[in-house]
Every structure is written in C-alpha cells, then in structure tokens.
C-alpha cells in the first residue's frame, strides 16, 4: 500500500488520494510571469477538478551552457513563490542544488525537490530530509528504479517518511530519453507515492549542442500510458509561450492547451485506479 503523504493541513497525496498535478514554468523568469501562470493554472485545475501544486525553479544549476539563463536566485525566487502561496492558496515546490539551501527553502516550500542529476548526493538528500518537509526525488537518468530504494533509505534514516519518487525517463544512447513504464510500479512498491514527469521525459538532453531540445508532441501519449499503469501525481512544466521560454521550451506544454490534456489523463487515472482496486495482482 502506498503511503499517504501530508503536503499541507488540507492537501494529501498517495494512499488512495485523487491524482494531483505538479505544474508551472520550468524556471522563474519574472514575478509577473509566475503569478500570471499560477493564476491561470489555478483556474484550469479548479475547473477540471485536480489538486494543484505549483512548481518553478529559482535556479537551474545544470544548464548545458554557461551562457544559459539560470533563474532569479534563491532569495528572490523564494520571495516570488511565497507570493504564489499567499495569493493563490496552493502548495509550492522548487528544487535545491546545495545542502546549504535546504533550510531557507523549507521556510517557504511545501515540497523540496532533488534534481535527477543529484539524486545520489547523500549530503543533499540528508539536508532536505532533515527539514522535515516532503522530499520529491527525481530518479536519475542513469539509474534503475530499484536503485531508488537506496535513496529512500537515506531519507528515512533522518526520520523523514514524507517521500515522493519521480520517473522522468532514462538515458537511451546519446541525447535521448525513454520511459520504461515498469519503473512506475517498481518504485511504487517501495511504499511511497510516485510522480510521472511527462515533460522532462520527452526532453532530448543536449540535443541542440549548447542546449537541450525536446518533443512535446509526445507528452499526451506518455501521460496516458503512465496514468493507465498507475501514478499518484502528474508533473508537467507549462508556459504561456513555450517558444520564447528561457528554459525547456521545446518540451513544455502550452498553458492554453492544458485543459483537455488534464481531462483526458484524469479519465485514464480513474479507470486505472478502479481496475487496480478490483485486482490484487495488479500493482
């Protein structure tokens, strides 16, 4: 049985809870963009009836090029995310890259995220775990789902059992990712809610030489597959104008196209949950 995780006093994920959505622009480009996107996301998710966790990164430390845009930084980024919490009344998530960022991040964030490239960094995991906040760890592109047991143990040893595990594709040759849907039930068997990152899974890392590119046309197909297999949360990066986004534009979903995509994935998720509840042999 997947553990139910408390995000806020009124927001739970896993343990039979309804599918939830983590969404927002890849990186904080400006306060105006973040607030407008968060407002639109809240409007869409309330209409579609899916719980929302807002996500945007204050720093993208693993950009391909030293000249790529990284974000507004820790202090300004947390200030903007605090405004999202206050104005939109939704939980917020962002990622940290260094252990010394954990405590400051925990003062604002409802979920601390560990990037895929850093998922084995013990000091980073322990610093996040010791805050007591839920920790979402993205499975590295270089790791099998069973290896995530080691990540879980590191966090649990700090007394923190509020863990989310994210599938975001695995490296397949150069500049390509594939999703092995077996990862979802394997990671779920560790006892914690599983997230499917639909937009990073279609990324082509470093595919444009000095930056990554992507194939966002495949996002809906992968989402349907993941929802049918069984997930607890869906992760999608969205943007009002992906073609001009400062990070991950080629794999982000256009905000105005989100409504029908969410309706579709909810139907698959509800059918999958019903089937799995009636068949004990199904993960």
Protein backbone atom coordinates (compact mmCIF):
# COMPACT_ATOMS: atom_id res chain seq x y z
CA UNK A 1 0.00 0.00 0.00
CA UNK A 2 1.32 3.43 -0.96
CA UNK A 3 1.77 5.76 2.00
CA UNK A 4 -0.43 8.85 2.20
CA UNK A 5 1.78 11.95 2.40
CA UNK A 6 0.71 15.19 4.05
CA UNK A 7 1.66 18.23 1.97
CA UNK A 8 -0.37 20.80 3.94
CA UNK A 9 -3.09 20.53 6.57
CA UNK A 10 -5.67 20.07 3.81
CA UNK A 11 -3.63 18.55 0.99
CA UNK A 12 -2.61 14.87 0.86
CA UNK A 13 -1.19 12.72 -1.93
CA UNK A 14 -0.91 8.96 -2.31
CA UNK A 15 -2.71 6.40 -0.18
CA UNK A 16 -5.76 6.37 -2.42
CA UNK A 17 -5.95 10.15 -2.79
CA UNK A 18 -7.03 11.59 -6.12
CA UNK A 19 -4.39 12.19 -8.80
CA UNK A 20 -2.68 15.53 -8.14
CA UNK A 21 -0.82 17.84 -10.52
CA UNK A 22 2.58 19.49 -10.13
CA UNK A 23 2.83 22.24 -12.74
CA UNK A 24 4.39 25.57 -13.59
CA UNK A 25 7.13 27.14 -15.74
CA UNK A 26 10.50 25.39 -15.78
CA UNK A 27 12.32 28.37 -14.29
CA UNK A 28 11.23 31.63 -12.65
CA UNK A 29 11.69 34.15 -15.45
CA UNK A 30 9.92 37.01 -13.67
CA UNK A 31 7.43 37.61 -10.89
CA UNK A 32 4.84 38.72 -13.41
CA UNK A 33 5.09 35.55 -15.49
CA UNK A 34 4.95 33.29 -12.44
CA UNK A 35 1.91 34.99 -10.92
CA UNK A 36 0.01 35.08 -14.21
CA UNK A 37 0.79 31.43 -14.87
CA UNK A 38 -0.16 30.39 -11.34
CA UNK A 39 -3.46 32.26 -11.60
CA UNK A 40 -4.30 30.57 -14.89
CA UNK A 41 -3.25 27.16 -13.56
CA UNK A 42 -5.48 27.53 -10.54
CA UNK A 43 -8.40 28.49 -12.74
CA UNK A 44 -7.88 25.47 -15.02
CA UNK A 45 -7.29 22.93 -12.24
CA UNK A 46 -10.34 24.08 -10.27
CA UNK A 47 -12.47 23.72 -13.38
CA UNK A 48 -11.08 20.29 -14.22
CA UNK A 49 -11.06 19.26 -10.53
CA UNK A 50 -7.46 18.21 -9.99
CA UNK A 51 -5.44 19.35 -6.94
CA UNK A 52 -2.56 21.69 -7.87
CA UNK A 53 0.99 22.05 -6.57
CA UNK A 54 2.76 24.98 -8.22
CA UNK A 55 6.34 24.38 -9.40
CA UNK A 56 9.04 26.68 -10.71
CA UNK A 57 12.81 26.67 -10.19
CA UNK A 58 14.63 29.63 -8.65
CA UNK A 59 17.89 28.30 -10.11
CA UNK A 60 18.71 25.86 -12.91
CA UNK A 61 22.23 24.86 -11.97
CA UNK A 62 22.58 22.09 -14.55
CA UNK A 63 22.15 24.06 -17.78
CA UNK A 64 24.07 22.80 -20.82
CA UNK A 65 25.85 26.11 -21.45
CA UNK A 66 27.43 28.60 -19.06
CA UNK A 67 25.56 31.28 -21.04
CA UNK A 68 22.11 29.78 -20.46
CA UNK A 69 19.61 31.56 -18.21
CA UNK A 70 19.57 30.07 -14.71
CA UNK A 71 16.87 31.96 -12.81
CA UNK A 72 16.40 34.73 -10.27
CA UNK A 73 18.30 33.05 -7.44
CA UNK A 74 17.37 31.62 -4.05
CA UNK A 75 16.29 34.75 -2.17
CA UNK A 76 14.25 36.38 -4.94
CA UNK A 77 12.84 33.05 -6.08
CA UNK A 78 11.55 32.11 -2.64
CA UNK A 79 10.03 35.56 -2.28
CA UNK A 80 8.08 35.05 -5.52
CA UNK A 81 6.98 31.54 -4.55
CA UNK A 82 5.78 32.87 -1.19
CA UNK A 83 3.57 35.32 -3.11
CA UNK A 84 2.14 32.41 -5.10
CA UNK A 85 1.26 30.66 -1.83
CA UNK A 86 -0.31 33.77 -0.37
CA UNK A 87 -2.26 34.88 -3.43
CA UNK A 88 -3.30 31.52 -4.91
CA UNK A 89 -3.55 29.39 -1.75
CA UNK A 90 -1.72 26.46 -3.36
CA UNK A 91 1.31 24.46 -2.18
CA UNK A 92 4.62 25.27 -3.89
CA UNK A 93 7.58 23.16 -4.94
CA UNK A 94 11.07 24.00 -6.15
CA UNK A 95 14.43 22.27 -6.32
CA UNK A 96 17.61 22.75 -4.35
CA UNK A 97 21.14 22.02 -5.58
CA UNK A 98 23.27 22.50 -2.47
CA UNK A 99 22.78 21.35 1.14
CA UNK A 100 23.03 24.91 2.48
CA UNK A 101 19.91 25.88 0.51
CA UNK A 102 17.68 23.39 2.35
CA UNK A 103 16.74 25.34 5.47
CA UNK A 104 15.94 28.57 3.65
CA UNK A 105 13.91 26.66 1.08
CA UNK A 106 11.98 24.84 3.80
CA UNK A 107 10.74 28.15 5.20
CA UNK A 108 8.70 28.67 2.02
CA UNK A 109 8.40 25.43 0.06
CA UNK A 110 5.81 22.79 0.83
CA UNK A 111 7.86 20.19 -1.08
CA UNK A 112 11.61 20.23 -1.61
CA UNK A 113 12.70 18.66 -4.88
CA UNK A 114 16.01 16.93 -5.61
CA UNK A 115 17.03 17.14 -9.30
CA UNK A 116 17.65 13.90 -11.17
CA UNK A 117 21.35 14.55 -11.70
CA UNK A 118 21.77 14.96 -7.92
CA UNK A 119 19.59 12.12 -6.64
CA UNK A 120 22.56 10.18 -5.25
CA UNK A 121 24.17 13.15 -3.48
CA UNK A 122 23.96 11.98 0.11
CA UNK A 123 24.61 15.33 1.80
CA UNK A 124 21.93 17.00 -0.32
CA UNK A 125 19.37 14.28 0.42
CA UNK A 126 20.10 14.37 4.14
CA UNK A 127 19.87 18.17 4.30
CA UNK A 128 16.48 18.09 2.57
CA UNK A 129 15.24 15.21 4.74
CA UNK A 130 16.26 16.93 7.99
CA UNK A 131 13.95 19.87 7.25
CA UNK A 132 11.00 17.53 7.82
CA UNK A 133 9.37 18.73 4.61
CA UNK A 134 8.16 16.27 1.97
CA UNK A 135 11.02 15.50 -0.42
CA UNK A 136 10.42 14.73 -4.08
CA UNK A 137 13.39 12.92 -5.60
CA UNK A 138 13.67 12.63 -9.36
CA UNK A 139 15.16 9.31 -10.43
CA UNK A 140 18.43 9.90 -12.24
CA UNK A 141 18.55 9.32 -15.98
CA UNK A 142 21.35 6.88 -15.20
CA UNK A 143 19.55 4.81 -12.55
CA UNK A 144 17.25 1.82 -12.43
CA UNK A 145 14.02 2.17 -10.44
CA UNK A 146 15.15 -0.45 -7.93
CA UNK A 147 18.17 1.68 -7.03
CA UNK A 148 15.78 4.29 -5.65
CA UNK A 149 15.49 2.07 -2.58
CA UNK A 150 18.90 3.42 -1.55
CA UNK A 151 17.61 6.99 -1.89
CA UNK A 152 14.57 6.16 0.22
CA UNK A 153 16.73 4.66 2.98
CA UNK A 154 18.91 7.77 3.15
CA UNK A 155 15.88 10.00 3.69
CA UNK A 156 14.19 7.61 6.11
CA UNK A 157 17.31 7.48 8.28
CA UNK A 158 16.71 11.14 9.09
CA UNK A 159 13.27 10.25 10.41
CA UNK A 160 11.53 11.69 7.36
CA UNK A 161 8.99 9.42 5.71
CA UNK A 162 7.37 12.06 3.54
CA UNK A 163 8.87 10.96 0.25
CA UNK A 164 7.82 11.24 -3.38
CA UNK A 165 9.64 9.45 -6.22
CA UNK A 166 9.60 10.77 -9.78
CA UNK A 167 10.09 8.98 -13.08
CA UNK A 168 11.46 11.29 -15.79
CA UNK A 169 12.96 8.94 -18.37
CA UNK A 170 16.26 7.09 -18.64
CA UNK A 171 19.17 7.78 -20.99
CA UNK A 172 19.00 5.79 -24.23
CA UNK A 173 22.15 6.38 -26.22
CA UNK A 174 23.14 9.99 -26.77
CA UNK A 175 20.72 12.95 -26.46
CA UNK A 176 17.68 10.78 -25.94
CA UNK A 177 15.44 9.54 -23.13
CA UNK A 178 12.95 6.70 -23.00
CA UNK A 179 10.36 5.84 -20.36
CA UNK A 180 10.22 2.29 -19.06
CA UNK A 181 6.71 2.08 -17.62
CA UNK A 182 7.87 -0.77 -15.37
CA UNK A 183 9.59 1.92 -13.31
CA UNK A 184 6.26 3.19 -12.01
CA UNK A 185 5.06 0.00 -10.26
CA UNK A 186 8.62 -0.85 -9.18
CA UNK A 187 9.05 2.49 -7.41
CA UNK A 188 5.50 2.35 -6.07
CA UNK A 189 6.37 -0.99 -4.46
CA UNK A 190 8.80 0.94 -2.22
CA UNK A 191 5.70 2.24 -0.46
CA UNK A 192 5.72 5.89 -1.44
CA UNK A 193 3.71 7.97 -3.95
CA UNK A 194 5.06 8.02 -7.48
CA UNK A 195 5.16 11.02 -9.79
CA UNK A 196 5.36 10.89 -13.57
CA UNK A 197 7.23 13.80 -15.13
CA UNK A 198 5.61 13.96 -18.56
CA UNK A 199 7.54 16.92 -19.95
CA UNK A 200 11.12 16.09 -18.96
CA UNK A 201 10.52 12.57 -20.26
CA UNK A 202 10.32 13.95 -23.82
CA UNK A 203 13.46 16.06 -23.41
CA UNK A 204 16.42 15.47 -25.71
CA UNK A 205 19.29 16.36 -23.36
CA UNK A 206 21.97 18.43 -25.08
CA UNK A 207 20.21 17.71 -28.36
CA UNK A 208 20.87 21.20 -29.73
CA UNK A 209 24.57 21.24 -28.86
CA UNK A 210 24.70 24.04 -26.31
CA UNK A 211 21.18 23.38 -25.03
CA UNK A 212 18.58 20.65 -24.73
CA UNK A 213 15.62 20.32 -27.02
CA UNK A 214 12.51 18.14 -26.84
CA UNK A 215 9.49 16.52 -28.47
CA UNK A 216 6.47 17.89 -26.62
CA UNK A 217 4.08 16.34 -29.13
CA UNK A 218 4.59 13.04 -27.30
CA UNK A 219 3.62 14.38 -23.85
CA UNK A 220 -0.08 13.34 -24.08
CA UNK A 221 0.82 9.80 -25.21
CA UNK A 222 3.23 9.22 -22.34
CA UNK A 223 0.77 10.73 -19.87
CA UNK A 224 -1.94 8.31 -20.94
CA UNK A 225 0.44 5.39 -20.54
CA UNK A 226 1.61 6.45 -17.09
CA UNK A 227 -1.92 7.13 -15.86
CA UNK A 228 -3.06 3.73 -17.12
CA UNK A 229 -0.19 1.99 -15.31
CA UNK A 230 -0.91 3.93 -12.12
CA UNK A 231 0.60 7.10 -10.67
CA UNK A 232 -0.18 9.34 -7.71
CA UNK A 233 0.92 12.67 -9.16
CA UNK A 234 1.50 14.08 -12.62
CA UNK A 235 4.34 16.54 -13.21
CA UNK A 236 4.15 18.92 -16.17
CA UNK A 237 6.04 22.08 -16.95
CA UNK A 238 3.77 24.59 -18.66
CA UNK A 239 4.28 28.05 -20.10
CA UNK A 240 2.10 30.66 -21.79
CA UNK A 241 4.64 30.92 -24.64
CA UNK A 242 6.98 27.91 -24.73
CA UNK A 243 8.65 29.00 -27.97
CA UNK A 244 10.08 32.02 -26.16
CA UNK A 245 10.68 30.41 -22.74
CA UNK A 246 14.12 30.84 -21.20
CA UNK A 247 14.45 27.15 -20.29
CA UNK A 248 12.99 23.87 -21.59
CA UNK A 249 10.66 25.48 -24.10
CA UNK A 250 10.78 22.54 -26.56
CA UNK A 251 9.32 20.13 -24.02
CA UNK A 252 6.93 22.41 -22.09
CA UNK A 253 3.18 22.32 -22.71
CA UNK A 254 1.36 25.43 -23.90
CA UNK A 255 -0.75 26.67 -21.00
CA UNK A 256 -3.81 27.22 -23.20
CA UNK A 257 -3.75 23.54 -24.23
CA UNK A 258 -3.71 22.19 -20.69
CA UNK A 259 -7.44 21.88 -20.03
CA UNK A 260 -8.27 18.99 -22.44
CA UNK A 261 -4.99 17.21 -21.62
CA UNK A 262 -5.87 17.12 -17.92
CA UNK A 263 -9.41 15.93 -18.57
CA UNK A 264 -8.01 13.08 -20.63
CA UNK A 265 -5.43 11.99 -18.08
CA UNK A 266 -7.97 12.08 -15.25
CA UNK A 267 -10.20 9.65 -17.12
CA UNK A 268 -7.31 7.22 -17.57
CA UNK A 269 -6.24 7.61 -13.94
CA UNK A 270 -9.72 6.97 -12.55
CA UNK A 271 -10.19 3.89 -14.72
CA UNK A 272 -6.78 2.54 -13.73
CA UNK A 273 -7.42 3.09 -10.01
CA UNK A 274 -10.76 1.30 -10.25
CA UNK A 275 -9.24 -1.66 -12.08
CA UNK A 276 -6.30 -1.98 -9.70
CA UNK A 277 -8.57 -1.85 -6.66
CA UNK A 278 -10.50 -4.83 -8.02
CA UNK A 279 -7.48 -6.91 -8.97
CA UNK A 280 -4.96 -7.69 -6.25
CA UNK A 281 -2.36 -8.99 -8.71
CA UNK A 282 -2.10 -5.61 -10.41
CA UNK A 283 0.38 -3.07 -8.98
